[in-house]
Amino acid sequence: MKRLATIATALLISASATAQPLKLRMAHIGLIYPISSNGINAKEYTNVLSLHAIAGVSRSEIGFCGSGVSNVIFDNTDGVVLGGFSTHIFNNANGLVASGFMNTVKNDVKGVEAAGFLNTAKDVKGAQLAGFANVSTGAVTGFQGAGFANVATKAVYGTQVAGFINVTKHAEGPQLAGFINVAEDANMQIAGFINVAKEVRGVQAAGFINIADSSDFPIGIINIIKKGEKAIGFTIDENLTALTTFRSGGRVMYGVIGVGANLRSNKEMYALEAGLGVHIPVSKGFRINVEATSSAFARFYEGSYMRSSLRVLPAFMIGNKVEIFAGPTLNHYHSNDYNGDEMSNNYLWSDTYWDYFNGINVGGMAGIQFHL
């Protein structure tokens, strides 16, 4: 790998681009610059077909160019350029540029730029595809897909998909990342762990946390929205499960996380809850909160319960900071215990099969929360 990089670097240092009248050659065949049919003046010629066993140098390519190791092109390319290790274009690229390790285009790409490790360019109209990272110092109109990171300094008018991180200033299309998306303004962000933006016009979904100045549709356990809501509360249900909760989100959607204990069980049973909710405004000071949550109940040293709940909670504001709510819940319990008597005696349906208990009941919840 070091030897290949040394060869590519030597080619870059050995020549510099100069403005010259067009010199056209139908074919350029060689081993490595300057051992080729265009010789030491290879950087002055525009070629229709270029083939080099190791590396080649040219002014422009307007058909096909292929090298076993590296291509160095001092002006434009139109057509297909293939490099076993790298390709370096000092102006614009139109068509396909593909290399085993990296491609660098000083100005714009119209077409596809594909590399096993890294692509760089200014504006891209088409696609950048890389095993590790794509970098655009301008705007991308089309698609960026990378195993680790995509960066577009100005904007993306299309889609970014990365295994770890996407970064841009303006994201017109969706950002999809395994870990984190970052943008100043975005239409849609979906990340495995965290999204960060200023203004989000559509859905912002993360496995754990969303951060934004404005986001009406955040989908995450924790949502820190500057123009949204954050509230600490206390709830209790018909089975005497008491929780301290944190609800956070935007104007429409919000996340729920809570921790507490079940007071009904004759043994210590701790509870952890997480879920999503939707605000349905009715009038000033009154709304209905609909929540879907999942709760885990455990003693840490023996059997555990899982509960999935759907809640409809009418809520009233008292002043600007205090909200009280109460309403019915529909719950499904699942446990490796033989019966669910510790959690409820009023099941609409219950069954024990292969030592696993399942039961459905209707309950209720009440609570109070304080808006921060």
Protein backbone atom coordinates (compact mmCIF):
# COMPACT_ATOMS: atom_id res chain seq x y z
CA MET A 1 0.00 0.00 0.00
CA LYS A 2 2.86 2.43 0.87
CA ARG A 3 4.55 1.68 -2.45
CA LEU A 4 1.35 2.42 -4.38
CA ALA A 5 0.87 5.69 -2.49
CA THR A 6 4.50 6.67 -3.23
CA ILE A 7 4.00 6.09 -6.97
CA ALA A 8 0.81 8.19 -7.00
CA THR A 9 2.53 11.01 -5.09
CA ALA A 10 5.52 10.99 -7.45
CA LEU A 11 3.21 11.37 -10.42
CA LEU A 12 1.48 14.34 -8.84
CA ILE A 13 4.77 16.08 -8.11
CA SER A 14 6.27 15.34 -11.54
CA ALA A 15 3.93 17.55 -13.55
CA SER A 16 1.85 20.70 -13.39
CA ALA A 17 -1.16 21.74 -15.46
CA THR A 18 -0.64 24.45 -18.10
CA ALA A 19 -3.16 26.00 -20.49
CA GLN A 20 -2.40 24.73 -24.01
CA PRO A 21 -4.26 24.30 -27.32
CA LEU A 22 -5.97 20.94 -27.80
CA LYS A 23 -3.71 18.10 -28.90
CA LEU A 24 -5.80 15.04 -29.65
CA ARG A 25 -4.60 11.44 -29.76
CA MET A 26 -6.88 8.48 -30.50
CA ALA A 27 -4.85 6.15 -28.26
CA HIS A 28 -2.33 6.51 -25.47
CA ILE A 29 -0.60 3.27 -24.43
CA GLY A 30 2.11 3.02 -21.82
CA LEU A 31 3.76 1.47 -18.77
CA ILE A 32 4.27 4.43 -16.45
CA TYR A 33 4.86 8.12 -17.14
CA PRO A 34 6.88 9.02 -19.22
CA ILE A 35 7.25 5.52 -20.72
CA SER A 36 4.25 5.72 -23.07
CA SER A 37 3.27 6.51 -26.65
CA ASN A 38 2.88 10.20 -25.71
CA GLY A 39 6.20 10.27 -23.89
CA ILE A 40 7.33 13.14 -21.72
CA ASN A 41 4.71 15.43 -23.32
CA ALA A 42 1.82 13.21 -22.21
CA LYS A 43 0.32 15.95 -20.01
CA GLU A 44 -0.28 18.07 -23.16
CA TYR A 45 -2.51 15.53 -24.93
CA THR A 46 -6.23 14.75 -24.87
CA ASN A 47 -6.89 11.06 -25.49
CA VAL A 48 -9.84 9.01 -26.67
CA LEU A 49 -8.39 5.75 -25.34
CA SER A 50 -5.73 5.46 -22.62
CA LEU A 51 -4.31 2.23 -21.23
CA HIS A 52 -1.41 2.05 -18.76
CA ALA A 53 0.02 -0.95 -16.97
CA ILE A 54 1.03 1.09 -13.91
CA ALA A 55 0.16 4.78 -14.21
CA GLY A 56 -0.59 7.42 -16.82
CA VAL A 57 -0.56 11.20 -17.20
CA SER A 58 -2.70 13.22 -19.60
CA ARG A 59 -4.28 16.60 -20.16
CA SER A 60 -7.85 15.31 -20.75
CA GLU A 61 -9.70 12.07 -21.44
CA ILE A 62 -12.80 11.91 -23.64
CA GLY A 63 -13.42 8.18 -23.91
CA PHE A 64 -11.87 5.47 -21.77
CA CYS A 65 -8.90 5.69 -19.43
CA GLY A 66 -7.60 2.80 -17.36
CA SER A 67 -4.45 2.24 -15.27
CA GLY A 68 -3.30 -0.59 -13.07
CA VAL A 69 -2.31 1.81 -10.28
CA SER A 70 -3.07 5.50 -10.85
CA ASN A 71 -4.36 8.13 -13.28
CA VAL A 72 -3.30 11.79 -13.22
CA ILE A 73 -5.42 14.05 -15.47
CA PHE A 74 -4.74 17.78 -15.52
CA ASP A 75 -8.01 18.99 -17.05
CA ASN A 76 -11.39 17.33 -17.71
CA THR A 77 -12.62 13.79 -18.22
CA ASP A 78 -15.63 12.72 -20.29
CA GLY A 79 -16.37 9.03 -20.23
CA VAL A 80 -14.98 6.25 -18.03
CA VAL A 81 -11.85 6.50 -15.89
CA LEU A 82 -10.68 3.44 -13.93
CA GLY A 83 -7.72 3.24 -11.57
CA GLY A 84 -6.52 0.20 -9.66
CA PHE A 85 -5.46 2.40 -6.74
CA SER A 86 -6.31 6.06 -7.37
CA THR A 87 -7.44 8.70 -9.84
CA HIS A 88 -6.60 12.42 -9.60
CA ILE A 89 -8.46 14.93 -11.81
CA PHE A 90 -7.53 18.61 -11.61
CA ASN A 91 -10.70 20.03 -13.15
CA ASN A 92 -14.09 18.43 -13.86
CA ALA A 93 -15.21 14.82 -14.31
CA ASN A 94 -18.18 13.81 -16.48
CA GLY A 95 -19.17 10.15 -16.50
CA LEU A 96 -17.72 7.41 -14.30
CA VAL A 97 -14.63 7.72 -12.13
CA ALA A 98 -13.82 4.54 -10.19
CA SER A 99 -10.72 3.44 -8.27
CA GLY A 100 -9.79 0.76 -5.81
CA PHE A 101 -8.71 3.17 -3.07
CA MET A 102 -9.39 6.87 -3.76
CA ASN A 103 -10.56 9.48 -6.26
CA THR A 104 -9.81 13.20 -6.03
CA VAL A 105 -11.59 15.67 -8.32
CA LYS A 106 -10.61 19.31 -7.80
CA ASN A 107 -13.84 20.76 -9.16
CA ASP A 108 -17.15 19.19 -10.18
CA VAL A 109 -18.39 15.67 -10.83
CA LYS A 110 -21.33 14.94 -13.13
CA GLY A 111 -21.93 11.24 -13.00
CA VAL A 112 -20.58 8.65 -10.56
CA GLU A 113 -17.49 8.81 -8.35
CA ALA A 114 -16.80 5.43 -6.75
CA ALA A 115 -13.86 4.32 -4.59
CA GLY A 116 -13.00 1.57 -2.17
CA PHE A 117 -11.96 4.09 0.49
CA LEU A 118 -12.34 7.84 -0.28
CA ASN A 119 -13.90 10.26 -2.78
CA THR A 120 -13.37 14.02 -2.82
CA ALA A 121 -14.88 16.65 -5.13
CA LYS A 122 -16.47 20.08 -5.15
CA ASP A 123 -20.04 19.97 -6.51
CA VAL A 124 -21.46 16.54 -7.32
CA LYS A 125 -24.41 15.92 -9.64
CA GLY A 126 -24.96 12.20 -9.56
CA ALA A 127 -23.49 9.90 -6.92
CA GLN A 128 -20.51 9.47 -4.64
CA LEU A 129 -19.96 5.90 -3.44
CA ALA A 130 -17.14 5.01 -1.05
CA GLY A 131 -16.19 2.20 1.28
CA PHE A 132 -15.13 4.71 3.94
CA ALA A 133 -15.93 8.38 3.21
CA ASN A 134 -17.22 10.87 0.65
CA VAL A 135 -16.32 14.55 0.87
CA SER A 136 -17.92 17.32 -1.18
CA THR A 137 -16.67 20.86 -0.57
CA GLY A 138 -19.73 22.18 -2.38
CA ALA A 139 -23.21 20.71 -2.90
CA VAL A 140 -24.38 17.22 -3.80
CA THR A 141 -27.37 16.81 -6.11
CA GLY A 142 -28.09 13.12 -6.01
CA PHE A 143 -26.73 10.48 -3.64
CA GLN A 144 -23.87 10.05 -1.18
CA GLY A 145 -23.30 6.54 0.16
CA ALA A 146 -20.37 5.57 2.41
CA GLY A 147 -19.44 2.86 4.84
CA PHE A 148 -18.43 5.42 7.48
CA ALA A 149 -19.00 9.11 6.67
CA ASN A 150 -20.50 11.53 4.17
CA VAL A 151 -19.66 15.24 4.22
CA ALA A 152 -21.21 17.90 1.98
CA THR A 153 -20.09 21.36 3.04
CA LYS A 154 -22.97 23.32 1.47
CA ALA A 155 -25.99 21.12 0.80
CA VAL A 156 -27.39 17.77 -0.27
CA TYR A 157 -30.30 17.83 -2.73
CA GLY A 158 -30.85 14.12 -2.48
CA THR A 159 -29.94 11.40 0.00
CA GLN A 160 -27.06 10.72 2.37
CA VAL A 161 -26.55 7.15 3.64
CA ALA A 162 -23.62 6.35 5.94
CA GLY A 163 -22.65 3.58 8.30
CA PHE A 164 -21.69 6.09 11.00
CA ILE A 165 -22.14 9.83 10.26
CA ASN A 166 -23.64 12.26 7.75
CA VAL A 167 -22.77 15.97 7.83
CA THR A 168 -24.13 18.82 5.73
CA LYS A 169 -25.44 22.35 6.09
CA HIS A 170 -28.72 21.91 4.20
CA ALA A 171 -30.30 18.47 3.69
CA GLU A 172 -33.14 18.61 1.17
CA GLY A 173 -33.62 14.84 1.23
CA PRO A 174 -33.25 12.18 3.94
CA GLN A 175 -30.15 11.62 6.04
CA LEU A 176 -29.74 7.98 7.09
CA ALA A 177 -26.88 7.05 9.44
CA GLY A 178 -25.97 4.16 11.67
CA PHE A 179 -24.98 6.51 14.49
CA ILE A 180 -25.37 10.29 13.92
CA ASN A 181 -26.72 12.86 11.46
CA VAL A 182 -25.71 16.53 11.61
CA ALA A 183 -27.30 19.38 9.64
CA GLU A 184 -28.33 22.99 10.07
CA ASP A 185 -31.69 22.36 8.44
CA ALA A 186 -33.13 19.06 7.28
CA ASN A 187 -36.25 17.43 5.90
CA MET A 188 -35.72 14.00 7.44
CA GLN A 189 -33.11 12.52 9.76
CA ILE A 190 -32.95 8.86 10.76
CA ALA A 191 -30.05 7.68 12.93
CA GLY A 192 -29.25 4.69 15.08
CA PHE A 193 -28.34 6.86 18.08
CA ILE A 194 -28.52 10.67 17.68
CA ASN A 195 -29.64 13.43 15.30
CA VAL A 196 -28.48 17.05 15.56
CA ALA A 197 -30.01 19.93 13.60
CA LYS A 198 -31.35 23.46 13.88
CA GLU A 199 -34.59 23.21 11.90
CA VAL A 200 -36.20 19.90 10.92
CA ARG A 201 -39.26 20.14 8.68
CA GLY A 202 -40.20 16.44 8.69
CA VAL A 203 -39.48 13.38 10.82
CA GLN A 204 -36.44 13.25 13.08
CA ALA A 205 -35.99 9.67 14.32
CA ALA A 206 -33.17 8.35 16.50
CA GLY A 207 -32.59 5.27 18.58
CA PHE A 208 -31.91 7.43 21.63
CA ILE A 209 -31.79 11.24 21.32
CA ASN A 210 -32.77 14.07 18.96
CA ILE A 211 -31.46 17.62 19.31
CA ALA A 212 -32.88 20.56 17.36
CA ASP A 213 -34.03 24.16 17.61
CA SER A 214 -37.30 23.27 15.89
CA SER A 215 -38.69 19.78 15.23
CA ASP A 216 -42.41 18.94 15.39
CA PHE A 217 -42.01 15.20 14.75
CA PRO A 218 -39.09 13.89 16.82
CA ILE A 219 -39.11 10.14 17.38
CA GLY A 220 -36.71 9.27 20.17
CA ILE A 221 -36.61 8.41 23.84
CA ILE A 222 -35.12 11.83 24.64
CA ASN A 223 -35.75 14.91 22.46
CA ILE A 224 -34.07 18.20 23.32
CA ILE A 225 -36.05 20.64 21.17
CA LYS A 226 -35.44 24.33 21.88
CA LYS A 227 -38.93 25.33 20.68
CA GLY A 228 -40.54 22.16 22.05
CA GLU A 229 -41.51 20.78 25.46
CA LYS A 230 -39.64 19.17 28.34
CA ALA A 231 -41.41 18.00 31.52
CA ILE A 232 -40.58 16.02 34.66
CA GLY A 233 -43.54 14.10 36.06
CA PHE A 234 -44.88 11.45 38.41
CA THR A 235 -47.37 8.72 37.42
CA ILE A 236 -49.20 5.83 39.05
CA ASP A 237 -51.39 3.14 37.48
CA GLU A 238 -54.06 0.71 38.68
CA ASN A 239 -51.39 -1.85 39.65
CA LEU A 240 -49.59 0.71 41.83
CA THR A 241 -46.63 1.08 39.51
CA ALA A 242 -45.16 4.47 40.44
CA LEU A 243 -42.75 6.16 38.06
CA THR A 244 -40.71 9.33 37.84
CA THR A 245 -40.84 10.35 34.17
CA PHE A 246 -39.25 12.67 31.65
CA ARG A 247 -41.31 13.63 28.59
CA SER A 248 -39.63 15.63 25.84
CA GLY A 249 -40.38 16.51 22.25
CA GLY A 250 -41.94 18.90 19.77
CA ARG A 251 -45.33 20.36 19.04
CA VAL A 252 -46.75 17.01 17.86
CA MET A 253 -44.58 14.06 18.92
CA TYR A 254 -42.55 13.39 22.07
CA GLY A 255 -40.60 10.70 23.89
CA VAL A 256 -41.23 9.10 27.28
CA ILE A 257 -38.72 7.63 29.71
CA GLY A 258 -39.41 6.67 33.31
CA VAL A 259 -38.00 4.76 36.27
CA GLY A 260 -39.68 3.56 39.46
CA ALA A 261 -41.13 0.49 41.17
CA ASN A 262 -44.26 -1.60 41.52
CA LEU A 263 -45.72 -1.10 44.99
CA ARG A 264 -48.32 -3.85 44.71
CA SER A 265 -45.92 -6.80 44.63
CA ASN A 266 -45.00 -8.36 47.99
CA LYS A 267 -41.40 -8.43 46.77
CA GLU A 268 -39.23 -5.63 45.44
CA MET A 269 -40.00 -5.08 41.75
CA TYR A 270 -38.32 -2.24 39.88
CA ALA A 271 -39.68 -0.69 36.70
CA LEU A 272 -38.15 0.98 33.64
CA GLU A 273 -40.31 2.53 30.91
CA ALA A 274 -39.72 4.03 27.46
CA GLY A 275 -42.05 5.04 24.65
CA LEU A 276 -43.48 7.60 22.26
CA GLY A 277 -46.41 9.97 22.44
CA VAL A 278 -48.54 12.28 20.32
CA HIS A 279 -50.21 15.54 21.44
CA ILE A 280 -53.74 16.07 20.14
CA PRO A 281 -54.81 19.66 20.90
CA VAL A 282 -58.48 20.20 21.79
CA SER A 283 -58.67 23.70 23.24
CA LYS A 284 -56.52 26.14 25.14
CA GLY A 285 -55.34 24.40 28.27
CA PHE A 286 -56.77 20.99 27.27
CA ARG A 287 -55.35 18.27 25.03
CA ILE A 288 -55.26 14.51 24.71
CA ASN A 289 -51.93 12.70 24.90
CA VAL A 290 -51.80 9.29 23.22
CA GLU A 291 -48.82 7.14 24.24
CA ALA A 292 -47.37 3.77 23.26
CA THR A 293 -44.86 2.49 25.80
CA SER A 294 -42.91 -0.59 26.77
CA SER A 295 -42.07 -1.31 30.42
CA ALA A 296 -39.78 -3.83 32.08
CA PHE A 297 -40.36 -5.07 35.63
CA ALA A 298 -37.56 -6.97 37.34
CA ARG A 299 -36.20 -8.11 40.69
CA PHE A 300 -32.72 -8.61 39.20
CA TYR A 301 -32.37 -12.06 40.78
CA GLU A 302 -35.40 -13.90 39.32
CA GLY A 303 -38.24 -13.68 36.79
CA SER A 304 -39.21 -10.48 35.00
CA TYR A 305 -42.32 -8.99 33.36
CA MET A 306 -42.66 -7.02 30.17
CA ARG A 307 -45.64 -4.74 29.58
CA SER A 308 -46.68 -2.99 26.36
CA SER A 309 -49.26 -0.26 26.81
CA LEU A 310 -51.45 2.00 24.72
CA ARG A 311 -52.71 5.03 26.69
CA VAL A 312 -55.24 7.76 26.00
CA LEU A 313 -54.64 10.52 28.55
CA PRO A 314 -56.75 13.69 28.62
CA ALA A 315 -54.55 16.45 30.05
CA PHE A 316 -55.29 19.85 31.61
CA MET A 317 -52.86 22.72 32.08
CA ILE A 318 -52.84 24.58 35.40
CA GLY A 319 -51.14 27.85 34.58
CA ASN A 320 -48.14 27.63 32.26
CA LYS A 321 -46.06 25.01 34.04
CA VAL A 322 -48.25 22.32 35.63
CA GLU A 323 -50.14 19.63 33.72
CA ILE A 324 -52.39 16.94 35.21
CA PHE A 325 -53.61 13.93 33.24
CA ALA A 326 -55.50 10.65 33.66
CA GLY A 327 -57.05 8.08 31.36
CA PRO A 328 -57.53 4.44 30.34
CA THR A 329 -54.78 2.06 29.23
CA LEU A 330 -54.75 -1.19 27.27
CA ASN A 331 -51.91 -3.45 28.39
CA HIS A 332 -50.27 -6.67 27.28
CA TYR A 333 -48.14 -8.53 29.86
CA HIS A 334 -45.51 -11.12 29.02
CA SER A 335 -43.54 -13.07 31.61
CA ASN A 336 -41.58 -16.23 32.24
CA ASP A 337 -43.59 -16.60 35.44
CA TYR A 338 -46.48 -19.11 35.60
CA ASN A 339 -49.10 -16.50 36.41
CA GLY A 340 -49.58 -12.76 36.36
CA ASP A 341 -51.27 -12.34 39.74
CA GLU A 342 -48.55 -10.02 40.99
CA MET A 343 -49.37 -7.49 38.28
CA SER A 344 -53.15 -7.83 37.89
CA ASN A 345 -56.20 -9.92 38.84
CA ASN A 346 -58.41 -8.54 36.07
CA TYR A 347 -57.27 -9.93 32.73
CA LEU A 348 -59.54 -9.83 29.70
CA TRP A 349 -57.50 -12.76 28.40
CA SER A 350 -54.57 -14.75 29.76
CA ASP A 351 -52.68 -17.90 28.90
CA THR A 352 -49.62 -19.85 30.04
CA TYR A 353 -47.77 -21.82 27.39
CA TRP A 354 -44.38 -23.48 27.82
CA ASP A 355 -43.82 -21.60 31.09
CA TYR A 356 -44.51 -18.21 29.46
CA PHE A 357 -47.42 -16.12 30.67
CA ASN A 358 -49.33 -13.71 28.41
CA GLY A 359 -52.22 -11.54 29.48
CA ILE A 360 -54.24 -8.53 28.31
CA ASN A 361 -56.05 -6.14 30.62
CA VAL A 362 -57.60 -2.69 30.67
CA GLY A 363 -56.27 -0.34 33.30
CA GLY A 364 -55.76 3.30 34.03
CA MET A 365 -53.07 5.86 34.74
CA ALA A 366 -52.94 9.26 36.39
CA GLY A 367 -50.12 11.72 36.79
CA ILE A 368 -48.78 15.21 37.07
CA GLN A 369 -45.88 16.84 35.31
CA PHE A 370 -44.00 20.11 35.56
CA HIS A 371 -42.89 21.80 32.36
CA LEU A 372 -39.31 23.06 32.34
